[in-house]
C-alpha atoms as a PDB file:
ATOM      1  CA  MET A   1     -37.810  40.754 -11.642  1.00  0.00           C
ATOM      2  CA  VAL A   2     -34.530  41.770 -13.285  1.00  0.00           C
ATOM      3  CA  ILE A   3     -32.715  39.589 -15.809  1.00  0.00           C
ATOM      4  CA  ARG A   4     -29.504  40.596 -17.573  1.00  0.00           C
ATOM      5  CA  GLY A   5     -27.525  38.752 -20.219  1.00  0.00           C
ATOM      6  CA  ILE A   6     -25.222  39.112 -23.204  1.00  0.00           C
ATOM      7  CA  LEU A   7     -25.991  38.220 -26.803  1.00  0.00           C
ATOM      8  CA  SER A   8     -22.980  36.650 -28.469  1.00  0.00           C
ATOM      9  CA  HIS A   9     -22.674  34.249 -31.363  1.00  0.00           C
ATOM     10  CA  ALA A  10     -23.113  31.505 -28.828  1.00  0.00           C
ATOM     11  CA  GLY A  11     -26.747  32.531 -28.889  1.00  0.00           C
ATOM     12  CA  SER A  12     -27.755  34.097 -25.562  1.00  0.00           C
ATOM     13  CA  LEU A  13     -29.499  37.446 -25.670  1.00  0.00           C
ATOM     14  CA  ALA A  14     -28.237  40.762 -24.420  1.00  0.00           C
ATOM     15  CA  LEU A  15     -31.265  42.242 -22.702  1.00  0.00           C
ATOM     16  CA  THR A  16     -32.309  44.135 -19.665  1.00  0.00           C
ATOM     17  CA  THR A  17     -35.700  43.195 -18.285  1.00  0.00           C
ATOM     18  CA  THR A  18     -36.601  46.216 -16.222  1.00  0.00           C
ATOM     19  CA  GLN A  19     -40.132  45.154 -15.554  1.00  0.00           C
ATOM     20  CA  ARG A  20     -42.204  42.012 -15.942  1.00  0.00           C
ATOM     21  CA  GLN A  21     -45.906  42.222 -15.315  1.00  0.00           C
ATOM     22  CA  HIS A  22     -47.177  38.693 -15.732  1.00  0.00           C
ATOM     23  CA  GLY A  23     -45.383  37.887 -18.924  1.00  0.00           C
ATOM     24  CA  VAL A  24     -44.926  41.317 -20.531  1.00  0.00           C
ATOM     25  CA  PRO A  25     -41.298  42.398 -20.069  1.00  0.00           C
ATOM     26  CA  PHE A  26     -39.661  45.402 -21.675  1.00  0.00           C
ATOM     27  CA  PHE A  27     -36.363  44.680 -23.385  1.00  0.00           C
ATOM     28  CA  GLN A  28     -33.437  46.995 -23.993  1.00  0.00           C
ATOM     29  CA  LEU A  29     -30.811  45.672 -26.391  1.00  0.00           C
ATOM     30  CA  GLU A  30     -27.273  46.360 -25.255  1.00  0.00           C
ATOM     31  CA  THR A  31     -24.268  46.880 -27.530  1.00  0.00           C
ATOM     32  CA  VAL A  32     -21.942  43.878 -27.421  1.00  0.00           C
ATOM     33  CA  SER A  33     -18.758  42.874 -29.158  1.00  0.00           C
ATOM     34  CA  ARG A  34     -18.962  40.253 -31.853  1.00  0.00           C
ATOM     35  CA  LEU A  35     -17.337  36.895 -31.329  1.00  0.00           C
ATOM     36  CA  PRO A  36     -16.354  34.404 -34.032  1.00  0.00           C
ATOM     37  CA  HIS A  37     -18.671  31.527 -34.854  1.00  0.00           C
ATOM     38  CA  ALA A  38     -18.019  28.353 -32.942  1.00  0.00           C
ATOM     39  CA  ALA A  39     -16.814  25.389 -34.968  1.00  0.00           C
ATOM     40  CA  PRO A  40     -19.545  22.863 -35.925  1.00  0.00           C
ATOM     41  CA  LEU A  41     -19.929  20.005 -33.491  1.00  0.00           C
ATOM     42  CA  SER A  42     -18.736  16.596 -34.608  1.00  0.00           C
ATOM     43  CA  TRP A  43     -19.328  13.164 -33.162  1.00  0.00           C
ATOM     44  CA  GLN A  44     -18.690   9.546 -33.978  1.00  0.00           C
ATOM     45  CA  SER A  45     -21.409   7.653 -35.802  1.00  0.00           C
ATOM     46  CA  GLU A  46     -23.043   4.788 -33.945  1.00  0.00           C
ATOM     47  CA  SER A  47     -24.322   1.631 -35.586  1.00  0.00           C
ATOM     48  CA  ALA A  48     -27.882   2.440 -34.524  1.00  0.00           C
ATOM     49  CA  ASP A  49     -27.821   5.928 -36.033  1.00  0.00           C
ATOM     50  CA  LEU A  50     -29.998   6.711 -39.031  1.00  0.00           C
ATOM     51  CA  PRO A  51     -28.139   7.791 -42.174  1.00  0.00           C
ATOM     52  CA  ARG A  52     -27.245  11.475 -42.362  1.00  0.00           C
ATOM     53  CA  ASP A  53     -26.913  11.856 -46.122  1.00  0.00           C
ATOM     54  CA  PHE A  54     -29.650  11.279 -48.698  1.00  0.00           C
ATOM     55  CA  SER A  55     -29.772  11.715 -52.439  1.00  0.00           C
ATOM     56  CA  ASP A  56     -33.060  13.620 -52.130  1.00  0.00           C
ATOM     57  CA  ARG A  57     -36.013  14.134 -49.812  1.00  0.00           C
ATOM     58  CA  GLY A  58     -37.791  11.189 -51.357  1.00  0.00           C
ATOM     59  CA  ALA A  59     -35.083   8.868 -50.029  1.00  0.00           C
ATOM     60  CA  LEU A  60     -35.489  10.376 -46.565  1.00  0.00           C
ATOM     61  CA  ASN A  61     -39.263   9.947 -46.762  1.00  0.00           C
ATOM     62  CA  SER A  62     -38.887   6.282 -47.741  1.00  0.00           C
ATOM     63  CA  LEU A  63     -36.543   5.583 -44.836  1.00  0.00           C
ATOM     64  CA  LEU A  64     -38.852   7.257 -42.320  1.00  0.00           C
ATOM     65  CA  LYS A  65     -41.794   5.203 -43.558  1.00  0.00           C
ATOM     66  CA  GLN A  66     -39.740   2.054 -42.973  1.00  0.00           C
ATOM     67  CA  GLN A  67     -38.574   3.111 -39.546  1.00  0.00           C
ATOM     68  CA  PHE A  68     -41.933   4.475 -38.373  1.00  0.00           C
ATOM     69  CA  PRO A  69     -44.621   2.413 -40.156  1.00  0.00           C
ATOM     70  CA  ASP A  70     -47.406   3.598 -37.847  1.00  0.00           C
ATOM     71  CA  ALA A  71     -46.815   7.268 -38.643  1.00  0.00           C
ATOM     72  CA  SER A  72     -49.065   8.851 -41.248  1.00  0.00           C
ATOM     73  CA  GLY A  73     -48.573  11.716 -43.672  1.00  0.00           C
ATOM     74  CA  GLU A  74     -45.687  12.965 -45.754  1.00  0.00           C
ATOM     75  CA  LEU A  75     -42.632  15.022 -44.931  1.00  0.00           C
ATOM     76  CA  SER A  76     -43.183  18.608 -43.975  1.00  0.00           C
ATOM     77  CA  PRO A  77     -42.408  20.966 -46.863  1.00  0.00           C
ATOM     78  CA  ILE A  78     -40.098  22.851 -44.482  1.00  0.00           C
ATOM     79  CA  GLN A  79     -36.539  21.868 -45.355  1.00  0.00           C
ATOM     80  CA  GLY A  80     -33.867  21.584 -42.720  1.00  0.00           C
ATOM     81  CA  GLY A  81     -30.166  22.299 -42.812  1.00  0.00           C
ATOM     82  CA  ARG A  82     -27.888  25.303 -42.810  1.00  0.00           C
ATOM     83  CA  ASP A  83     -28.384  26.163 -46.489  1.00  0.00           C
ATOM     84  CA  ALA A  84     -32.167  26.297 -46.090  1.00  0.00           C
ATOM     85  CA  ALA A  85     -31.787  28.365 -42.931  1.00  0.00           C
ATOM     86  CA  GLU A  86     -29.546  30.913 -44.644  1.00  0.00           C
ATOM     87  CA  ARG A  87     -31.948  31.184 -47.584  1.00  0.00           C
ATOM     88  CA  GLN A  88     -34.806  31.860 -45.199  1.00  0.00           C
ATOM     89  CA  LEU A  89     -32.757  34.363 -43.251  1.00  0.00           C
ATOM     90  CA  SER A  90     -31.921  36.254 -46.442  1.00  0.00           C
ATOM     91  CA  GLN A  91     -35.638  36.702 -47.153  1.00  0.00           C
ATOM     92  CA  ILE A  92     -36.636  38.461 -43.938  1.00  0.00           C
ATOM     93  CA  ASN A  93     -38.058  41.966 -44.105  1.00  0.00           C
ATOM     94  CA  ALA A  94     -37.746  43.459 -40.647  1.00  0.00           C
ATOM     95  CA  LYS A  95     -39.735  46.619 -41.338  1.00  0.00           C
ATOM     96  CA  ARG A  96     -42.600  44.795 -43.026  1.00  0.00           C
ATOM     97  CA  TYR A  97     -42.579  42.222 -40.240  1.00  0.00           C
ATOM     98  CA  GLY A  98     -43.320  44.954 -37.724  1.00  0.00           C
ATOM     99  CA  ARG A  99     -46.338  46.113 -39.707  1.00  0.00           C
ATOM    100  CA  SER A 100     -47.883  42.836 -40.850  1.00  0.00           C
ATOM    101  CA  ARG A 101     -46.830  40.078 -38.445  1.00  0.00           C
ATOM    102  CA  ASN A 102     -50.301  39.639 -36.927  1.00  0.00           C
ATOM    103  CA  HIS A 103     -51.851  38.700 -40.286  1.00  0.00           C
ATOM    104  CA  LEU A 104     -51.713  35.081 -41.420  1.00  0.00           C
ATOM    105  CA  ASN A 105     -50.312  36.263 -44.755  1.00  0.00           C
ATOM    106  CA  GLY A 106     -47.989  38.757 -43.080  1.00  0.00           C
ATOM    107  CA  SER A 107     -44.253  38.988 -43.525  1.00  0.00           C
ATOM    108  CA  VAL A 108     -43.172  36.588 -40.780  1.00  0.00           C
ATOM    109  CA  THR A 109     -39.674  35.121 -40.830  1.00  0.00           C
ATOM    110  CA  ARG A 110     -40.368  31.369 -40.505  1.00  0.00           C
ATOM    111  CA  LEU A 111     -36.994  31.068 -38.803  1.00  0.00           C
ATOM    112  CA  SER A 112     -38.249  29.395 -35.625  1.00  0.00           C
ATOM    113  CA  PRO A 113     -37.464  25.773 -36.655  1.00  0.00           C
ATOM    114  CA  TYR A 114     -33.859  26.703 -37.422  1.00  0.00           C
ATOM    115  CA  ILE A 115     -33.447  28.633 -34.179  1.00  0.00           C
ATOM    116  CA  ARG A 116     -35.084  25.847 -32.202  1.00  0.00           C
ATOM    117  CA  HIS A 117     -32.593  23.249 -33.462  1.00  0.00           C
ATOM    118  CA  GLY A 118     -29.518  25.471 -33.268  1.00  0.00           C
ATOM    119  CA  VAL A 119     -29.056  25.858 -37.010  1.00  0.00           C
ATOM    120  CA  LEU A 120     -29.266  29.630 -36.516  1.00  0.00           C
ATOM    121  CA  THR A 121     -28.382  31.555 -33.375  1.00  0.00           C
ATOM    122  CA  LEU A 122     -30.269  34.536 -32.050  1.00  0.00           C
ATOM    123  CA  SER A 123     -27.214  36.686 -32.580  1.00  0.00           C
ATOM    124  CA  GLU A 124     -27.039  35.759 -36.263  1.00  0.00           C
ATOM    125  CA  VAL A 125     -30.636  36.779 -36.756  1.00  0.00           C
ATOM    126  CA  ARG A 126     -30.063  39.985 -34.817  1.00  0.00           C
ATOM    127  CA  ASP A 127     -27.020  40.859 -36.929  1.00  0.00           C
ATOM    128  CA  ALA A 128     -28.918  40.096 -40.132  1.00  0.00           C
ATOM    129  CA  VAL A 129     -31.747  42.422 -39.067  1.00  0.00           C
ATOM    130  CA  PHE A 130     -29.382  45.297 -38.286  1.00  0.00           C
ATOM    131  CA  ALA A 131     -27.411  44.726 -41.491  1.00  0.00           C
ATOM    132  CA  GLN A 132     -30.594  44.862 -43.545  1.00  0.00           C
ATOM    133  CA  LEU A 133     -31.752  48.050 -41.865  1.00  0.00           C
ATOM    134  CA  LYS A 134     -28.373  49.660 -42.462  1.00  0.00           C
ATOM    135  CA  ALA A 135     -28.296  48.595 -46.117  1.00  0.00           C
ATOM    136  CA  ASN A 136     -31.791  50.023 -46.631  1.00  0.00           C
ATOM    137  CA  LYS A 137     -30.891  53.216 -44.757  1.00  0.00           C
ATOM    138  CA  GLN A 138     -33.598  52.502 -42.208  1.00  0.00           C
ATOM    139  CA  GLN A 139     -33.553  53.296 -38.513  1.00  0.00           C
ATOM    140  CA  ARG A 140     -32.851  50.529 -36.010  1.00  0.00           C
ATOM    141  CA  ASP A 141     -36.213  51.028 -34.334  1.00  0.00           C
ATOM    142  CA  GLU A 142     -37.895  49.980 -37.598  1.00  0.00           C
ATOM    143  CA  GLY A 143     -36.684  46.467 -36.805  1.00  0.00           C
ATOM    144  CA  GLY A 144     -37.647  46.722 -33.148  1.00  0.00           C
ATOM    145  CA  LYS A 145     -40.603  44.340 -33.305  1.00  0.00           C
ATOM    146  CA  LEU A 146     -38.472  41.556 -34.712  1.00  0.00           C
ATOM    147  CA  ILE A 147     -35.655  42.166 -32.249  1.00  0.00           C
ATOM    148  CA  ASN A 148     -38.290  42.069 -29.500  1.00  0.00           C
ATOM    149  CA  GLU A 149     -39.266  38.554 -30.523  1.00  0.00           C
ATOM    150  CA  LEU A 150     -35.659  37.419 -30.203  1.00  0.00           C
ATOM    151  CA  GLY A 151     -35.870  38.812 -26.689  1.00  0.00           C
ATOM    152  CA  TRP A 152     -38.980  36.774 -25.976  1.00  0.00           C
ATOM    153  CA  ARG A 153     -37.300  33.581 -27.142  1.00  0.00           C
ATOM    154  CA  ASP A 154     -34.344  34.198 -24.854  1.00  0.00           C
ATOM    155  CA  PHE A 155     -36.685  35.143 -22.015  1.00  0.00           C
ATOM    156  CA  TRP A 156     -38.511  31.800 -22.236  1.00  0.00           C
ATOM    157  CA  GLN A 157     -35.213  29.919 -22.106  1.00  0.00           C
ATOM    158  CA  ARG A 158     -34.189  31.837 -19.012  1.00  0.00           C
ATOM    159  CA  MET A 159     -37.529  31.090 -17.388  1.00  0.00           C
ATOM    160  CA  TRP A 160     -37.022  27.390 -18.179  1.00  0.00           C
ATOM    161  CA  ASN A 161     -33.555  27.514 -16.636  1.00  0.00           C
ATOM    162  CA  ASP A 162     -35.092  29.065 -13.523  1.00  0.00           C
ATOM    163  CA  LEU A 163     -38.212  26.882 -13.289  1.00  0.00           C
ATOM    164  CA  GLY A 164     -36.951  23.550 -14.602  1.00  0.00           C
ATOM    165  CA  ASP A 165     -39.707  20.937 -14.745  1.00  0.00           C
ATOM    166  CA  ARG A 166     -42.087  23.378 -13.093  1.00  0.00           C
ATOM    167  CA  ILE A 167     -42.884  24.764 -16.553  1.00  0.00           C
ATOM    168  CA  HIS A 168     -45.305  21.818 -16.692  1.00  0.00           C
ATOM    169  CA  ASP A 169     -47.240  23.197 -13.713  1.00  0.00           C
ATOM    170  CA  ASP A 170     -49.606  26.148 -13.390  1.00  0.00           C
ATOM    171  CA  GLN A 171     -47.469  29.152 -12.477  1.00  0.00           C
ATOM    172  CA  GLU A 172     -50.396  31.041 -10.964  1.00  0.00           C
ATOM    173  CA  ASP A 173     -54.098  30.662 -10.278  1.00  0.00           C
ATOM    174  CA  HIS A 174     -56.377  30.921 -13.298  1.00  0.00           C
ATOM    175  CA  LYS A 175     -58.024  34.322 -13.716  1.00  0.00           C
ATOM    176  CA  THR A 176     -61.167  32.829 -15.248  1.00  0.00           C
ATOM    177  CA  GLY A 177     -63.046  31.933 -12.088  1.00  0.00           C
ATOM    178  CA  LEU A 178     -62.494  28.249 -12.926  1.00  0.00           C
ATOM    179  CA  ASN A 179     -60.443  25.627 -11.113  1.00  0.00           C
ATOM    180  CA  PRO A 180     -57.865  23.377 -12.794  1.00  0.00           C
ATOM    181  CA  SER A 181     -60.234  20.459 -12.194  1.00  0.00           C
ATOM    182  CA  ASP A 182     -62.825  22.141 -14.417  1.00  0.00           C
ATOM    183  CA  TYR A 183     -60.673  21.438 -17.487  1.00  0.00           C
ATOM    184  CA  GLN A 184     -60.522  18.175 -19.436  1.00  0.00           C
ATOM    185  CA  GLN A 185     -57.349  16.116 -19.280  1.00  0.00           C
ATOM    186  CA  ASN A 186     -57.803  14.544 -22.716  1.00  0.00           C
ATOM    187  CA  LEU A 187     -57.784  16.047 -26.185  1.00  0.00           C
ATOM    188  CA  PRO A 188     -61.217  15.600 -27.837  1.00  0.00           C
ATOM    189  CA  ASP A 189     -61.137  13.400 -30.932  1.00  0.00           C
ATOM    190  CA  ASP A 190     -62.795  15.971 -33.162  1.00  0.00           C
ATOM    191  CA  ILE A 191     -59.980  18.415 -32.440  1.00  0.00           C
ATOM    192  CA  ARG A 192     -57.218  15.862 -32.887  1.00  0.00           C
ATOM    193  CA  GLU A 193     -58.736  14.645 -36.161  1.00  0.00           C
ATOM    194  CA  GLY A 194     -59.701  18.052 -37.537  1.00  0.00           C
ATOM    195  CA  ARG A 195     -63.450  17.580 -37.724  1.00  0.00           C
ATOM    196  CA  THR A 196     -64.823  20.250 -35.415  1.00  0.00           C
ATOM    197  CA  GLY A 197     -66.875  21.719 -38.264  1.00  0.00           C
ATOM    198  CA  LEU A 198     -65.070  25.034 -37.805  1.00  0.00           C
ATOM    199  CA  ALA A 199     -63.096  25.850 -40.943  1.00  0.00           C
ATOM    200  CA  CYS A 200     -60.523  27.882 -39.021  1.00  0.00           C
ATOM    201  CA  MET A 201     -59.763  25.332 -36.303  1.00  0.00           C
ATOM    202  CA  ASP A 202     -59.775  22.375 -38.673  1.00  0.00           C
ATOM    203  CA  GLY A 203     -57.550  24.323 -41.038  1.00  0.00           C
ATOM    204  CA  PHE A 204     -55.094  25.149 -38.254  1.00  0.00           C
ATOM    205  CA  ARG A 205     -55.054  21.519 -37.166  1.00  0.00           C
ATOM    206  CA  ASN A 206     -54.353  20.337 -40.696  1.00  0.00           C
ATOM    207  CA  GLU A 207     -51.477  22.763 -41.129  1.00  0.00           C
ATOM    208  CA  LEU A 208     -50.064  21.809 -37.746  1.00  0.00           C
ATOM    209  CA  VAL A 209     -50.073  18.109 -38.630  1.00  0.00           C
ATOM    210  CA  SER A 210     -48.946  18.356 -42.260  1.00  0.00           C
ATOM    211  CA  HIS A 211     -46.434  21.218 -42.027  1.00  0.00           C
ATOM    212  CA  GLY A 212     -45.254  21.104 -38.418  1.00  0.00           C
ATOM    213  CA  TRP A 213     -45.600  24.884 -38.222  1.00  0.00           C
ATOM    214  CA  LEU A 214     -48.322  27.425 -37.520  1.00  0.00           C
ATOM    215  CA  HIS A 215     -48.448  31.193 -37.640  1.00  0.00           C
ATOM    216  CA  ASN A 216     -48.310  32.697 -34.163  1.00  0.00           C
ATOM    217  CA  HIS A 217     -51.827  34.121 -34.361  1.00  0.00           C
ATOM    218  CA  ALA A 218     -53.219  30.744 -35.412  1.00  0.00           C
ATOM    219  CA  ARG A 219     -51.510  29.139 -32.417  1.00  0.00           C
ATOM    220  CA  MET A 220     -53.071  31.702 -30.113  1.00  0.00           C
ATOM    221  CA  TRP A 221     -56.546  31.240 -31.587  1.00  0.00           C
ATOM    222  CA  MET A 222     -56.328  27.450 -31.407  1.00  0.00           C
ATOM    223  CA  ALA A 223     -54.984  27.491 -27.859  1.00  0.00           C
ATOM    224  CA  SER A 224     -57.739  29.851 -26.795  1.00  0.00           C
ATOM    225  CA  TYR A 225     -60.391  27.691 -28.447  1.00  0.00           C
ATOM    226  CA  LEU A 226     -59.145  24.545 -26.703  1.00  0.00           C
ATOM    227  CA  VAL A 227     -58.804  26.107 -23.264  1.00  0.00           C
ATOM    228  CA  HIS A 228     -61.714  28.541 -23.086  1.00  0.00           C
ATOM    229  CA  TRP A 229     -64.389  27.179 -25.406  1.00  0.00           C
ATOM    230  CA  ARG A 230     -63.721  23.437 -25.027  1.00  0.00           C
ATOM    231  CA  ARG A 231     -62.386  23.571 -21.455  1.00  0.00           C
ATOM    232  CA  VAL A 232     -59.318  21.467 -22.223  1.00  0.00           C
ATOM    233  CA  HIS A 233     -56.463  21.930 -19.776  1.00  0.00           C
ATOM    234  CA  TRP A 234     -53.648  23.974 -21.299  1.00  0.00           C
ATOM    235  CA  SER A 235     -51.093  21.208 -20.672  1.00  0.00           C
ATOM    236  CA  VAL A 236     -53.021  18.824 -22.931  1.00  0.00           C
ATOM    237  CA  GLY A 237     -52.909  21.263 -25.816  1.00  0.00           C
ATOM    238  CA  ALA A 238     -49.270  22.118 -25.140  1.00  0.00           C
ATOM    239  CA  LYS A 239     -48.246  18.459 -25.328  1.00  0.00           C
ATOM    240  CA  TRP A 240     -50.256  18.021 -28.539  1.00  0.00           C
ATOM    241  CA  PHE A 241     -48.471  20.958 -30.145  1.00  0.00           C
ATOM    242  CA  LEU A 242     -45.099  19.462 -29.218  1.00  0.00           C
ATOM    243  CA  GLU A 243     -46.050  16.252 -30.991  1.00  0.00           C
ATOM    244  CA  HIS A 244     -46.116  18.111 -34.303  1.00  0.00           C
ATOM    245  CA  LEU A 245     -44.257  21.427 -34.208  1.00  0.00           C
ATOM    246  CA  LEU A 246     -40.856  21.437 -35.857  1.00  0.00           C
ATOM    247  CA  ASP A 247     -40.050  24.494 -33.761  1.00  0.00           C
ATOM    248  CA  GLY A 248     -41.610  22.986 -30.654  1.00  0.00           C
ATOM    249  CA  ASP A 249     -39.757  24.343 -27.657  1.00  0.00           C
ATOM    250  CA  PRO A 250     -41.000  23.290 -24.205  1.00  0.00           C
ATOM    251  CA  ALA A 251     -40.197  26.651 -22.639  1.00  0.00           C
ATOM    252  CA  SER A 252     -41.949  29.014 -25.065  1.00  0.00           C
ATOM    253  CA  ASN A 253     -44.671  26.473 -25.833  1.00  0.00           C
ATOM    254  CA  HIS A 254     -45.724  25.592 -22.293  1.00  0.00           C
ATOM    255  CA  LEU A 255     -45.412  29.051 -20.803  1.00  0.00           C
ATOM    256  CA  SER A 256     -47.241  30.642 -23.722  1.00  0.00           C
ATOM    257  CA  TRP A 257     -50.113  28.179 -23.376  1.00  0.00           C
ATOM    258  CA  GLN A 258     -50.268  29.253 -19.736  1.00  0.00           C
ATOM    259  CA  TRP A 259     -50.291  32.872 -20.889  1.00  0.00           C
ATOM    260  CA  VAL A 260     -53.390  32.102 -22.972  1.00  0.00           C
ATOM    261  CA  ALA A 261     -54.980  30.159 -20.119  1.00  0.00           C
ATOM    262  CA  SER A 262     -54.288  33.015 -17.618  1.00  0.00           C
ATOM    263  CA  CYS A 263     -52.093  31.036 -15.211  1.00  0.00           C
ATOM    264  CA  PHE A 264     -49.015  32.940 -16.400  1.00  0.00           C
ATOM    265  CA  SER A 265     -50.690  36.273 -17.101  1.00  0.00           C
ATOM    266  CA  HIS A 266     -53.114  38.680 -15.478  1.00  0.00           C
ATOM    267  CA  LYS A 267     -56.036  37.772 -17.785  1.00  0.00           C
ATOM    268  CA  PRO A 268     -57.027  35.053 -20.266  1.00  0.00           C
ATOM    269  CA  TYR A 269     -56.462  35.551 -23.965  1.00  0.00           C
ATOM    270  CA  PHE A 270     -59.572  35.113 -26.106  1.00  0.00           C
ATOM    271  CA  PHE A 271     -60.870  36.424 -29.403  1.00  0.00           C
ATOM    272  CA  ASN A 272     -64.018  36.826 -31.445  1.00  0.00           C
ATOM    273  CA  ARG A 273     -65.013  36.295 -35.061  1.00  0.00           C
ATOM    274  CA  GLN A 274     -64.261  39.866 -36.053  1.00  0.00           C
ATOM    275  CA  ASN A 275     -60.686  39.507 -34.816  1.00  0.00           C
ATOM    276  CA  LEU A 276     -60.151  36.179 -36.566  1.00  0.00           C
ATOM    277  CA  ASP A 277     -61.748  37.356 -39.804  1.00  0.00           C
ATOM    278  CA  ARG A 278     -59.605  40.490 -39.833  1.00  0.00           C
ATOM    279  CA  TYR A 279     -56.239  38.838 -39.325  1.00  0.00           C
ATOM    280  CA  SER A 280     -56.995  35.799 -41.487  1.00  0.00           C
ATOM    281  CA  ASP A 281     -58.172  38.183 -44.229  1.00  0.00           C
ATOM    282  CA  GLY A 282     -61.519  36.412 -44.451  1.00  0.00           C
ATOM    283  CA  SER A 283     -59.974  33.122 -45.536  1.00  0.00           C
ATOM    284  CA  PHE A 284     -62.176  30.915 -43.337  1.00  0.00           C
ATOM    285  CA  CYS A 285     -65.481  32.423 -42.332  1.00  0.00           C
ATOM    286  CA  GLN A 286     -67.339  32.656 -45.636  1.00  0.00           C
ATOM    287  CA  GLU A 287     -66.754  29.019 -46.573  1.00  0.00           C
ATOM    288  CA  CYS A 288     -67.232  27.611 -43.077  1.00  0.00           C
ATOM    289  CA  GLN A 289     -70.086  25.149 -42.623  1.00  0.00           C
ATOM    290  CA  SER A 290     -70.663  26.749 -39.217  1.00  0.00           C
ATOM    291  CA  ASN A 291     -70.868  30.233 -40.695  1.00  0.00           C
ATOM    292  CA  GLN A 292     -74.389  30.784 -39.388  1.00  0.00           C
ATOM    293  CA  SER A 293     -73.696  29.277 -35.976  1.00  0.00           C
ATOM    294  CA  CYS A 294     -70.149  30.450 -35.309  1.00  0.00           C
ATOM    295  CA  PRO A 295     -69.245  30.149 -31.613  1.00  0.00           C
ATOM    296  CA  PHE A 296     -66.952  33.159 -31.949  1.00  0.00           C
ATOM    297  CA  ASP A 297     -69.541  35.485 -33.478  1.00  0.00           C
ATOM    298  CA  LYS A 298     -70.251  37.536 -30.361  1.00  0.00           C
ATOM    299  CA  SER A 299     -68.993  40.683 -28.730  1.00  0.00           C
ATOM    300  CA  TYR A 300     -66.154  40.433 -26.240  1.00  0.00           C
ATOM    301  CA  GLU A 301     -68.545  41.347 -23.454  1.00  0.00           C
ATOM    302  CA  GLN A 302     -70.860  38.467 -24.403  1.00  0.00           C
ATOM    303  CA  LEU A 303     -67.963  36.036 -24.623  1.00  0.00           C
ATOM    304  CA  GLU A 304     -66.673  37.068 -21.197  1.00  0.00           C
ATOM    305  CA  LYS A 305     -70.022  36.173 -19.635  1.00  0.00           C
ATOM    306  CA  GLN A 306     -70.187  32.894 -21.564  1.00  0.00           C
ATOM    307  CA  LEU A 307     -66.646  31.642 -21.045  1.00  0.00           C
ATOM    308  CA  PHE A 308     -65.659  32.832 -17.598  1.00  0.00           C
ATOM    309  CA  LYS A 309     -67.149  32.914 -14.126  1.00  0.00           C
ATOM    310  CA  VAL A 310     -65.542  36.153 -13.011  1.00  0.00           C
ATOM    311  CA  GLN A 311     -67.763  39.211 -13.258  1.00  0.00           C
ATOM    312  CA  GLN A 312     -65.248  42.054 -13.624  1.00  0.00           C
ATOM    313  CA  PRO A 313     -64.213  42.919 -17.185  1.00  0.00           C
ATOM    314  CA  ILE A 314     -61.331  40.734 -18.343  1.00  0.00           C
ATOM    315  CA  ARG A 315     -60.583  42.429 -21.622  1.00  0.00           C
ATOM    316  CA  GLU A 316     -59.496  46.050 -21.324  1.00  0.00           C
ATOM    317  CA  GLY A 317     -61.632  46.971 -24.314  1.00  0.00           C
ATOM    318  CA  ALA A 318     -64.712  45.896 -22.377  1.00  0.00           C
ATOM    319  CA  ARG A 319     -64.453  48.895 -20.068  1.00  0.00           C
ATOM    320  CA  PRO A 320     -66.849  51.675 -21.103  1.00  0.00           C
ATOM    321  CA  HIS A 321     -64.254  54.368 -20.352  1.00  0.00           C
ATOM    322  CA  ARG A 322     -60.481  54.307 -20.510  1.00  0.00           C
ATOM    323  CA  SER A 323     -58.154  56.450 -18.502  1.00  0.00           C
ATOM    324  CA  SER A 324     -56.205  59.037 -20.416  1.00  0.00           C
ATOM    325  CA  LYS A 325     -53.098  57.796 -18.630  1.00  0.00           C
ATOM    326  CA  PRO A 326     -51.073  55.019 -20.300  1.00  0.00           C
ATOM    327  CA  SER A 327     -52.104  51.612 -19.013  1.00  0.00           C
ATOM    328  CA  LYS A 328     -49.434  49.633 -17.231  1.00  0.00           C
ATOM    329  CA  ARG A 329     -51.143  46.454 -18.409  1.00  0.00           C
ATOM    330  CA  LYS A 330     -51.049  47.364 -22.034  1.00  0.00           C
ATOM    331  CA  GLY A 331     -48.528  45.446 -24.097  1.00  0.00           C
ATOM    332  CA  PRO A 332     -48.060  43.253 -27.166  1.00  0.00           C
ATOM    333  CA  HIS A 333     -49.280  39.674 -27.219  1.00  0.00           C
ATOM    334  CA  GLN A 334     -46.114  37.650 -27.151  1.00  0.00           C
ATOM    335  CA  GLY A 335     -48.058  34.620 -28.307  1.00  0.00           C
ATOM    336  CA  ILE A 336     -46.736  31.105 -28.711  1.00  0.00           C
ATOM    337  CA  GLN A 337     -44.157  31.404 -31.443  1.00  0.00           C
ATOM    338  CA  ARG A 338     -44.154  34.654 -33.332  1.00  0.00           C
ATOM    339  CA  LEU A 339     -41.004  34.183 -35.412  1.00  0.00           C
END
């Protein structure tokens, strides 16, 4: 599959996808000319519109409580608007991002809500990354991981344009040995309410609901837990995420859930306690009430036998010997929303 495009200030990405093996493309950024920013959109106010200007966030919170009395919780601490977006953009560290992005306390950008709602374009972020590297006398490839994620975001949009409403359907058969009918079509109450007894999953749920944002690795862990341990159909979890995520994008969200589930990839994504403890820097396991009965505290080989019906190794690390040749299947986890 070959996709080509141009990244301008209008926001589409200049990339060449030379190969896509079930969701792992390889991007090559092309040099493009810079175009001026488009003028902000304007439109006439309607009588039914909510106010646009508030004296402070407290006034906004009060109005939302009046308009949506059944909704619970407070405003997310994530502030919207162009000023907030530019402040966040100025704080990115492209080199550190490449080294630490998989850790919950890593140097991630937190730009995804602003990109999702068009406050920032992909090209602006790209230009900011290259400008920072140049100012710090760093090589462009030191920002490659972050540029790659801009490629993923554009890729999902192009897939959505191609698939349309079919993003809501399984793209492929599941590679777990299970049928779609083996998965629940409802979200269990203990997951929705954050009372699974697992400190990690309840913590992720609470952050999802109260902040409207989750680190990419947390999204992957929670999606994997829902689909593989609790046998909840990926679409149920994907819709739940969209209820709360400020950066919720149907394309990247739905297709990434399918990537975890293995109906848009060549294998399911799953994890164990060692992986979670490492990348969460031990912030959950020691205080968890299920510490002595953790469902993730097994080897990958044991989890494969427990979670899936297929007998061949699913995880590459489960093979006793690896070829000395580079694996064509090896690639980064694009995850659900890495930015």
